[in-house]
Amino acid sequence: MATSPCAPGEGPACIHEATDDAARASSGQNRASRQAIQPIQRQSERHGLRELIAANEDLHGPLTAEEIRAAEAKMFGDAGTQA
């Protein structure tokens, strides 16, 4: 079983950095290699985002539908609220 290079409490940023480092080490830095590691990086980012959302919900409770609509409007303008 692999061990994490991150100390307890270092969180998603450390995990993301460690994943990037490992992917670069195993695939080099040419253009094709960078494209190959992008899915790994996206997965790491999604995992980190899920951790941040869970930590925020632990502190403040789940987001309400109105908070979600407001965030979508801020991010996408009126087009994001038409659904």
PDB file of N, CA and C in Angstrom:
ATOM      1  N   MET A   1       0.849  -1.175   0.000  1.00  0.00           N
ATOM      2  CA  MET A   1       0.000   0.000   0.000  1.00  0.00           C
ATOM      3  C   MET A   1       0.892   1.235   0.000  1.00  0.00           C
ATOM      4  N   ALA A   2       0.576   2.209  -0.865  1.00  0.00           N
ATOM      5  CA  ALA A   2       1.369   3.436  -0.959  1.00  0.00           C
ATOM      6  C   ALA A   2       1.052   4.348   0.218  1.00  0.00           C
ATOM      7  N   THR A   3       2.051   5.080   0.626  1.00  0.00           N
ATOM      8  CA  THR A   3       1.842   6.044   1.701  1.00  0.00           C
ATOM      9  C   THR A   3       1.815   7.431   1.112  1.00  0.00           C
ATOM     10  N   SER A   4       1.108   8.331   1.755  1.00  0.00           N
ATOM     11  CA  SER A   4       0.980   9.701   1.281  1.00  0.00           C
ATOM     12  C   SER A   4       2.231  10.496   1.626  1.00  0.00           C
ATOM     13  N   PRO A   5       2.712  11.334   0.690  1.00  0.00           N
ATOM     14  CA  PRO A   5       3.856  12.189   0.988  1.00  0.00           C
ATOM     15  C   PRO A   5       3.457  13.385   1.847  1.00  0.00           C
ATOM     16  N   CYS A   6       2.183  13.508   2.129  1.00  0.00           N
ATOM     17  CA  CYS A   6       1.669  14.658   2.880  1.00  0.00           C
ATOM     18  C   CYS A   6       1.509  14.305   4.358  1.00  0.00           C
ATOM     19  N   ALA A   7       1.812  15.246   5.189  1.00  0.00           N
ATOM     20  CA  ALA A   7       1.615  15.061   6.626  1.00  0.00           C
ATOM     21  C   ALA A   7       0.130  15.223   6.946  1.00  0.00           C
ATOM     22  N   PRO A   8      -0.342  14.606   8.023  1.00  0.00           N
ATOM     23  CA  PRO A   8      -1.743  14.783   8.403  1.00  0.00           C
ATOM     24  C   PRO A   8      -2.075  16.273   8.548  1.00  0.00           C
ATOM     25  N   GLY A   9      -3.205  16.663   7.964  1.00  0.00           N
ATOM     26  CA  GLY A   9      -3.655  18.043   8.066  1.00  0.00           C
ATOM     27  C   GLY A   9      -3.157  18.962   6.967  1.00  0.00           C
ATOM     28  N   GLU A  10      -2.271  18.464   6.070  1.00  0.00           N
ATOM     29  CA  GLU A  10      -1.782  19.326   4.996  1.00  0.00           C
ATOM     30  C   GLU A  10      -2.826  19.541   3.916  1.00  0.00           C
ATOM     31  N   GLY A  11      -3.744  18.632   3.747  1.00  0.00           N
ATOM     32  CA  GLY A  11      -4.895  18.831   2.901  1.00  0.00           C
ATOM     33  C   GLY A  11      -4.688  18.691   1.410  1.00  0.00           C
ATOM     34  N   PRO A  12      -5.724  19.120   0.648  1.00  0.00           N
ATOM     35  CA  PRO A  12      -5.781  18.899  -0.791  1.00  0.00           C
ATOM     36  C   PRO A  12      -4.624  19.522  -1.573  1.00  0.00           C
ATOM     37  N   ALA A  13      -4.138  20.668  -1.178  1.00  0.00           N
ATOM     38  CA  ALA A  13      -3.059  21.309  -1.935  1.00  0.00           C
ATOM     39  C   ALA A  13      -1.821  20.422  -1.957  1.00  0.00           C
ATOM     40  N   CYS A  14      -1.500  19.808  -0.845  1.00  0.00           N
ATOM     41  CA  CYS A  14      -0.345  18.914  -0.778  1.00  0.00           C
ATOM     42  C   CYS A  14      -0.579  17.689  -1.635  1.00  0.00           C
ATOM     43  N   ILE A  15      -1.759  17.127  -1.569  1.00  0.00           N
ATOM     44  CA  ILE A  15      -2.076  15.935  -2.353  1.00  0.00           C
ATOM     45  C   ILE A  15      -1.978  16.264  -3.837  1.00  0.00           C
ATOM     46  N   HIS A  16      -2.506  17.400  -4.249  1.00  0.00           N
ATOM     47  CA  HIS A  16      -2.462  17.820  -5.653  1.00  0.00           C
ATOM     48  C   HIS A  16      -1.013  17.994  -6.104  1.00  0.00           C
ATOM     49  N   GLU A  17      -0.212  18.665  -5.297  1.00  0.00           N
ATOM     50  CA  GLU A  17       1.196  18.883  -5.642  1.00  0.00           C
ATOM     51  C   GLU A  17       1.944  17.555  -5.742  1.00  0.00           C
ATOM     52  N   ALA A  18       1.702  16.667  -4.814  1.00  0.00           N
ATOM     53  CA  ALA A  18       2.371  15.367  -4.828  1.00  0.00           C
ATOM     54  C   ALA A  18       1.954  14.561  -6.056  1.00  0.00           C
ATOM     55  N   THR A  19       0.686  14.627  -6.440  1.00  0.00           N
ATOM     56  CA  THR A  19       0.212  13.930  -7.630  1.00  0.00           C
ATOM     57  C   THR A  19       0.875  14.490  -8.877  1.00  0.00           C
ATOM     58  N   ASP A  20       0.943  15.814  -8.965  1.00  0.00           N
ATOM     59  CA  ASP A  20       1.604  16.458 -10.104  1.00  0.00           C
ATOM     60  C   ASP A  20       3.065  16.035 -10.187  1.00  0.00           C
ATOM     61  N   ASP A  21       3.758  16.060  -9.054  1.00  0.00           N
ATOM     62  CA  ASP A  21       5.177  15.681  -9.030  1.00  0.00           C
ATOM     63  C   ASP A  21       5.362  14.237  -9.500  1.00  0.00           C
ATOM     64  N   ALA A  22       4.518  13.338  -9.006  1.00  0.00           N
ATOM     65  CA  ALA A  22       4.632  11.933  -9.377  1.00  0.00           C
ATOM     66  C   ALA A  22       4.333  11.726 -10.861  1.00  0.00           C
ATOM     67  N   ALA A  23       3.332  12.417 -11.356  1.00  0.00           N
ATOM     68  CA  ALA A  23       2.986  12.286 -12.771  1.00  0.00           C
ATOM     69  C   ALA A  23       4.111  12.816 -13.651  1.00  0.00           C
ATOM     70  N   ARG A  24       4.689  13.953 -13.281  1.00  0.00           N
ATOM     71  CA  ARG A  24       5.799  14.509 -14.052  1.00  0.00           C
ATOM     72  C   ARG A  24       7.011  13.583 -14.014  1.00  0.00           C
ATOM     73  N   ALA A  25       7.289  13.032 -12.856  1.00  0.00           N
ATOM     74  CA  ALA A  25       8.453  12.153 -12.714  1.00  0.00           C
ATOM     75  C   ALA A  25       8.311  10.902 -13.575  1.00  0.00           C
ATOM     76  N   SER A  26       7.097  10.405 -13.691  1.00  0.00           N
ATOM     77  CA  SER A  26       6.902   9.171 -14.439  1.00  0.00           C
ATOM     78  C   SER A  26       6.718   9.396 -15.935  1.00  0.00           C
ATOM     79  N   SER A  27       6.419  10.634 -16.341  1.00  0.00           N
ATOM     80  CA  SER A  27       6.107  10.828 -17.755  1.00  0.00           C
ATOM     81  C   SER A  27       6.957  11.880 -18.448  1.00  0.00           C
ATOM     82  N   GLY A  28       7.836  12.570 -17.743  1.00  0.00           N
ATOM     83  CA  GLY A  28       8.675  13.590 -18.381  1.00  0.00           C
ATOM     84  C   GLY A  28       7.905  14.861 -18.659  1.00  0.00           C
ATOM     85  N   GLN A  29       8.551  15.758 -19.403  1.00  0.00           N
ATOM     86  CA  GLN A  29       7.936  17.065 -19.614  1.00  0.00           C
ATOM     87  C   GLN A  29       7.648  17.394 -21.073  1.00  0.00           C
ATOM     88  N   ASN A  30       7.715  16.428 -21.999  1.00  0.00           N
ATOM     89  CA  ASN A  30       7.383  16.771 -23.371  1.00  0.00           C
ATOM     90  C   ASN A  30       5.880  17.004 -23.498  1.00  0.00           C
ATOM     91  N   ARG A  31       5.471  17.579 -24.622  1.00  0.00           N
ATOM     92  CA  ARG A  31       4.072  17.974 -24.797  1.00  0.00           C
ATOM     93  C   ARG A  31       3.114  16.791 -24.644  1.00  0.00           C
ATOM     94  N   ALA A  32       3.433  15.682 -25.248  1.00  0.00           N
ATOM     95  CA  ALA A  32       2.569  14.504 -25.153  1.00  0.00           C
ATOM     96  C   ALA A  32       2.440  14.040 -23.704  1.00  0.00           C
ATOM     97  N   SER A  33       3.528  14.106 -22.970  1.00  0.00           N
ATOM     98  CA  SER A  33       3.492  13.692 -21.566  1.00  0.00           C
ATOM     99  C   SER A  33       2.618  14.624 -20.748  1.00  0.00           C
ATOM    100  N   ARG A  34       2.731  15.922 -20.995  1.00  0.00           N
ATOM    101  CA  ARG A  34       1.894  16.880 -20.254  1.00  0.00           C
ATOM    102  C   ARG A  34       0.424  16.626 -20.525  1.00  0.00           C
ATOM    103  N   GLN A  35       0.104  16.310 -21.791  1.00  0.00           N
ATOM    104  CA  GLN A  35      -1.288  16.006 -22.127  1.00  0.00           C
ATOM    105  C   GLN A  35      -1.747  14.720 -21.450  1.00  0.00           C
ATOM    106  N   ALA A  36      -0.851  13.777 -21.313  1.00  0.00           N
ATOM    107  CA  ALA A  36      -1.201  12.509 -20.682  1.00  0.00           C
ATOM    108  C   ALA A  36      -1.490  12.667 -19.194  1.00  0.00           C
ATOM    109  N   ILE A  37      -0.820  13.607 -18.532  1.00  0.00           N
ATOM    110  CA  ILE A  37      -1.038  13.754 -17.092  1.00  0.00           C
ATOM    111  C   ILE A  37      -2.204  14.678 -16.767  1.00  0.00           C
ATOM    112  N   GLN A  38      -2.736  15.389 -17.754  1.00  0.00           N
ATOM    113  CA  GLN A  38      -3.849  16.294 -17.474  1.00  0.00           C
ATOM    114  C   GLN A  38      -5.045  15.598 -16.842  1.00  0.00           C
ATOM    115  N   PRO A  39      -5.466  14.420 -17.308  1.00  0.00           N
ATOM    116  CA  PRO A  39      -6.591  13.751 -16.630  1.00  0.00           C
ATOM    117  C   PRO A  39      -6.280  13.420 -15.167  1.00  0.00           C
ATOM    118  N   ILE A  40      -5.052  13.076 -14.880  1.00  0.00           N
ATOM    119  CA  ILE A  40      -4.656  12.794 -13.499  1.00  0.00           C
ATOM    120  C   ILE A  40      -4.758  14.067 -12.666  1.00  0.00           C
ATOM    121  N   GLN A  41      -4.306  15.180 -13.232  1.00  0.00           N
ATOM    122  CA  GLN A  41      -4.384  16.452 -12.526  1.00  0.00           C
ATOM    123  C   GLN A  41      -5.833  16.850 -12.281  1.00  0.00           C
ATOM    124  N   ARG A  42      -6.701  16.682 -13.290  1.00  0.00           N
ATOM    125  CA  ARG A  42      -8.117  17.043 -13.131  1.00  0.00           C
ATOM    126  C   ARG A  42      -8.753  16.195 -12.038  1.00  0.00           C
ATOM    127  N   GLN A  43      -8.441  14.895 -12.011  1.00  0.00           N
ATOM    128  CA  GLN A  43      -8.992  14.022 -10.983  1.00  0.00           C
ATOM    129  C   GLN A  43      -8.534  14.485  -9.598  1.00  0.00           C
ATOM    130  N   SER A  44      -7.279  14.848  -9.483  1.00  0.00           N
ATOM    131  CA  SER A  44      -6.747  15.334  -8.216  1.00  0.00           C
ATOM    132  C   SER A  44      -7.454  16.619  -7.802  1.00  0.00           C
ATOM    133  N   GLU A  45      -7.686  17.507  -8.753  1.00  0.00           N
ATOM    134  CA  GLU A  45      -8.383  18.759  -8.455  1.00  0.00           C
ATOM    135  C   GLU A  45      -9.811  18.485  -7.997  1.00  0.00           C
ATOM    136  N   ARG A  46     -10.505  17.565  -8.680  1.00  0.00           N
ATOM    137  CA  ARG A  46     -11.873  17.231  -8.275  1.00  0.00           C
ATOM    138  C   ARG A  46     -11.902  16.645  -6.863  1.00  0.00           C
ATOM    139  N   HIS A  47     -10.927  15.786  -6.564  1.00  0.00           N
ATOM    140  CA  HIS A  47     -10.853  15.198  -5.230  1.00  0.00           C
ATOM    141  C   HIS A  47     -10.635  16.299  -4.182  1.00  0.00           C
ATOM    142  N   GLY A  48      -9.709  17.213  -4.465  1.00  0.00           N
ATOM    143  CA  GLY A  48      -9.452  18.319  -3.547  1.00  0.00           C
ATOM    144  C   GLY A  48     -10.668  19.200  -3.369  1.00  0.00           C
ATOM    145  N   LEU A  49     -11.398  19.447  -4.451  1.00  0.00           N
ATOM    146  CA  LEU A  49     -12.600  20.265  -4.369  1.00  0.00           C
ATOM    147  C   LEU A  49     -13.659  19.591  -3.503  1.00  0.00           C
ATOM    148  N   ARG A  50     -13.824  18.269  -3.679  1.00  0.00           N
ATOM    149  CA  ARG A  50     -14.786  17.546  -2.834  1.00  0.00           C
ATOM    150  C   ARG A  50     -14.410  17.658  -1.357  1.00  0.00           C
ATOM    151  N   GLU A  51     -13.105  17.586  -1.059  1.00  0.00           N
ATOM    152  CA  GLU A  51     -12.658  17.717   0.336  1.00  0.00           C
ATOM    153  C   GLU A  51     -12.966  19.113   0.876  1.00  0.00           C
ATOM    154  N   LEU A  52     -12.724  20.134   0.068  1.00  0.00           N
ATOM    155  CA  LEU A  52     -12.997  21.503   0.505  1.00  0.00           C
ATOM    156  C   LEU A  52     -14.489  21.726   0.729  1.00  0.00           C
ATOM    157  N   ILE A  53     -15.319  21.202  -0.156  1.00  0.00           N
ATOM    158  CA  ILE A  53     -16.772  21.340  -0.006  1.00  0.00           C
ATOM    159  C   ILE A  53     -17.228  20.641   1.272  1.00  0.00           C
ATOM    160  N   ALA A  54     -16.732  19.440   1.505  1.00  0.00           N
ATOM    161  CA  ALA A  54     -17.114  18.704   2.715  1.00  0.00           C
ATOM    162  C   ALA A  54     -16.686  19.444   3.977  1.00  0.00           C
ATOM    163  N   ALA A  55     -15.472  20.000   3.964  1.00  0.00           N
ATOM    164  CA  ALA A  55     -15.005  20.754   5.135  1.00  0.00           C
ATOM    165  C   ALA A  55     -15.862  21.997   5.354  1.00  0.00           C
ATOM    166  N   ASN A  56     -16.229  22.680   4.269  1.00  0.00           N
ATOM    167  CA  ASN A  56     -17.074  23.860   4.391  1.00  0.00           C
ATOM    168  C   ASN A  56     -18.457  23.487   4.932  1.00  0.00           C
ATOM    169  N   GLU A  57     -19.014  22.381   4.441  1.00  0.00           N
ATOM    170  CA  GLU A  57     -20.325  21.953   4.920  1.00  0.00           C
ATOM    171  C   GLU A  57     -20.272  21.520   6.375  1.00  0.00           C
ATOM    172  N   ASP A  58     -19.151  20.942   6.811  1.00  0.00           N
ATOM    173  CA  ASP A  58     -19.000  20.594   8.223  1.00  0.00           C
ATOM    174  C   ASP A  58     -19.056  21.847   9.094  1.00  0.00           C
ATOM    175  N   LEU A  59     -18.471  22.932   8.599  1.00  0.00           N
ATOM    176  CA  LEU A  59     -18.445  24.183   9.369  1.00  0.00           C
ATOM    177  C   LEU A  59     -19.748  24.967   9.286  1.00  0.00           C
ATOM    178  N   HIS A  60     -20.334  25.022   8.087  1.00  0.00           N
ATOM    179  CA  HIS A  60     -21.449  25.945   7.853  1.00  0.00           C
ATOM    180  C   HIS A  60     -22.752  25.280   7.450  1.00  0.00           C
ATOM    181  N   GLY A  61     -22.758  23.973   7.328  1.00  0.00           N
ATOM    182  CA  GLY A  61     -23.950  23.280   6.862  1.00  0.00           C
ATOM    183  C   GLY A  61     -23.985  23.246   5.345  1.00  0.00           C
ATOM    184  N   PRO A  62     -24.883  22.442   4.780  1.00  0.00           N
ATOM    185  CA  PRO A  62     -24.958  22.323   3.324  1.00  0.00           C
ATOM    186  C   PRO A  62     -25.437  23.624   2.684  1.00  0.00           C
ATOM    187  N   LEU A  63     -25.048  23.808   1.415  1.00  0.00           N
ATOM    188  CA  LEU A  63     -25.500  24.981   0.673  1.00  0.00           C
ATOM    189  C   LEU A  63     -26.998  24.875   0.413  1.00  0.00           C
ATOM    190  N   THR A  64     -27.662  26.014   0.463  1.00  0.00           N
ATOM    191  CA  THR A  64     -29.083  26.053   0.125  1.00  0.00           C
ATOM    192  C   THR A  64     -29.226  26.201  -1.385  1.00  0.00           C
ATOM    193  N   ALA A  65     -30.419  25.917  -1.891  1.00  0.00           N
ATOM    194  CA  ALA A  65     -30.685  26.081  -3.323  1.00  0.00           C
ATOM    195  C   ALA A  65     -30.442  27.532  -3.737  1.00  0.00           C
ATOM    196  N   GLU A  66     -30.813  28.477  -2.911  1.00  0.00           N
ATOM    197  CA  GLU A  66     -30.607  29.897  -3.229  1.00  0.00           C
ATOM    198  C   GLU A  66     -29.117  30.235  -3.298  1.00  0.00           C
ATOM    199  N   GLU A  67     -28.312  29.690  -2.404  1.00  0.00           N
ATOM    200  CA  GLU A  67     -26.862  29.930  -2.458  1.00  0.00           C
ATOM    201  C   GLU A  67     -26.250  29.347  -3.733  1.00  0.00           C
ATOM    202  N   ILE A  68     -26.739  28.187  -4.127  1.00  0.00           N
ATOM    203  CA  ILE A  68     -26.250  27.568  -5.363  1.00  0.00           C
ATOM    204  C   ILE A  68     -26.628  28.420  -6.563  1.00  0.00           C
ATOM    205  N   ARG A  69     -27.893  28.888  -6.622  1.00  0.00           N
ATOM    206  CA  ARG A  69     -28.328  29.748  -7.732  1.00  0.00           C
ATOM    207  C   ARG A  69     -27.514  31.032  -7.779  1.00  0.00           C
ATOM    208  N   ALA A  70     -27.239  31.632  -6.626  1.00  0.00           N
ATOM    209  CA  ALA A  70     -26.459  32.866  -6.586  1.00  0.00           C
ATOM    210  C   ALA A  70     -25.037  32.629  -7.085  1.00  0.00           C
ATOM    211  N   ALA A  71     -24.441  31.499  -6.709  1.00  0.00           N
ATOM    212  CA  ALA A  71     -23.086  31.180  -7.167  1.00  0.00           C
ATOM    213  C   ALA A  71     -23.065  30.938  -8.674  1.00  0.00           C
ATOM    214  N   GLU A  72     -24.085  30.237  -9.183  1.00  0.00           N
ATOM    215  CA  GLU A  72     -24.166  30.005 -10.624  1.00  0.00           C
ATOM    216  C   GLU A  72     -24.330  31.314 -11.381  1.00  0.00           C
ATOM    217  N   ALA A  73     -25.156  32.212 -10.866  1.00  0.00           N
ATOM    218  CA  ALA A  73     -25.354  33.508 -11.519  1.00  0.00           C
ATOM    219  C   ALA A  73     -24.053  34.300 -11.527  1.00  0.00           C
ATOM    220  N   LYS A  74     -23.310  34.233 -10.444  1.00  0.00           N
ATOM    221  CA  LYS A  74     -22.037  34.943 -10.370  1.00  0.00           C
ATOM    222  C   LYS A  74     -21.029  34.357 -11.355  1.00  0.00           C
ATOM    223  N   MET A  75     -20.993  33.032 -11.466  1.00  0.00           N
ATOM    224  CA  MET A  75     -20.031  32.370 -12.333  1.00  0.00           C
ATOM    225  C   MET A  75     -20.412  32.454 -13.800  1.00  0.00           C
ATOM    226  N   PHE A  76     -21.680  32.261 -14.116  1.00  0.00           N
ATOM    227  CA  PHE A  76     -22.109  32.111 -15.503  1.00  0.00           C
ATOM    228  C   PHE A  76     -23.017  33.236 -16.000  1.00  0.00           C
ATOM    229  N   GLY A  77     -23.361  34.178 -15.134  1.00  0.00           N
ATOM    230  CA  GLY A  77     -24.309  35.211 -15.541  1.00  0.00           C
ATOM    231  C   GLY A  77     -25.718  34.635 -15.570  1.00  0.00           C
ATOM    232  N   ASP A  78     -26.597  35.316 -16.243  1.00  0.00           N
ATOM    233  CA  ASP A  78     -28.000  34.874 -16.298  1.00  0.00           C
ATOM    234  C   ASP A  78     -28.174  33.547 -17.011  1.00  0.00           C
ATOM    235  N   ALA A  79     -27.247  33.197 -17.925  1.00  0.00           N
ATOM    236  CA  ALA A  79     -27.361  31.950 -18.672  1.00  0.00           C
ATOM    237  C   ALA A  79     -27.325  30.735 -17.749  1.00  0.00           C
ATOM    238  N   GLY A  80     -26.594  30.816 -16.638  1.00  0.00           N
ATOM    239  CA  GLY A  80     -26.490  29.692 -15.726  1.00  0.00           C
ATOM    240  C   GLY A  80     -27.715  29.472 -14.880  1.00  0.00           C
ATOM    241  N   THR A  81     -28.615  30.456 -14.836  1.00  0.00           N
ATOM    242  CA  THR A  81     -29.809  30.339 -13.989  1.00  0.00           C
ATOM    243  C   THR A  81     -31.055  30.030 -14.787  1.00  0.00           C
ATOM    244  N   GLN A  82     -30.928  29.766 -16.076  1.00  0.00           N
ATOM    245  CA  GLN A  82     -32.095  29.523 -16.936  1.00  0.00           C
ATOM    246  C   GLN A  82     -32.595  28.089 -16.881  1.00  0.00           C
ATOM    247  N   ALA A  83     -31.852  27.186 -16.294  1.00  0.00           N
ATOM    248  CA  ALA A  83     -32.226  25.761 -16.314  1.00  0.00           C
ATOM    249  C   ALA A  83     -33.501  25.456 -15.622  1.00  0.00           C
TER     250      ALA A  83
END
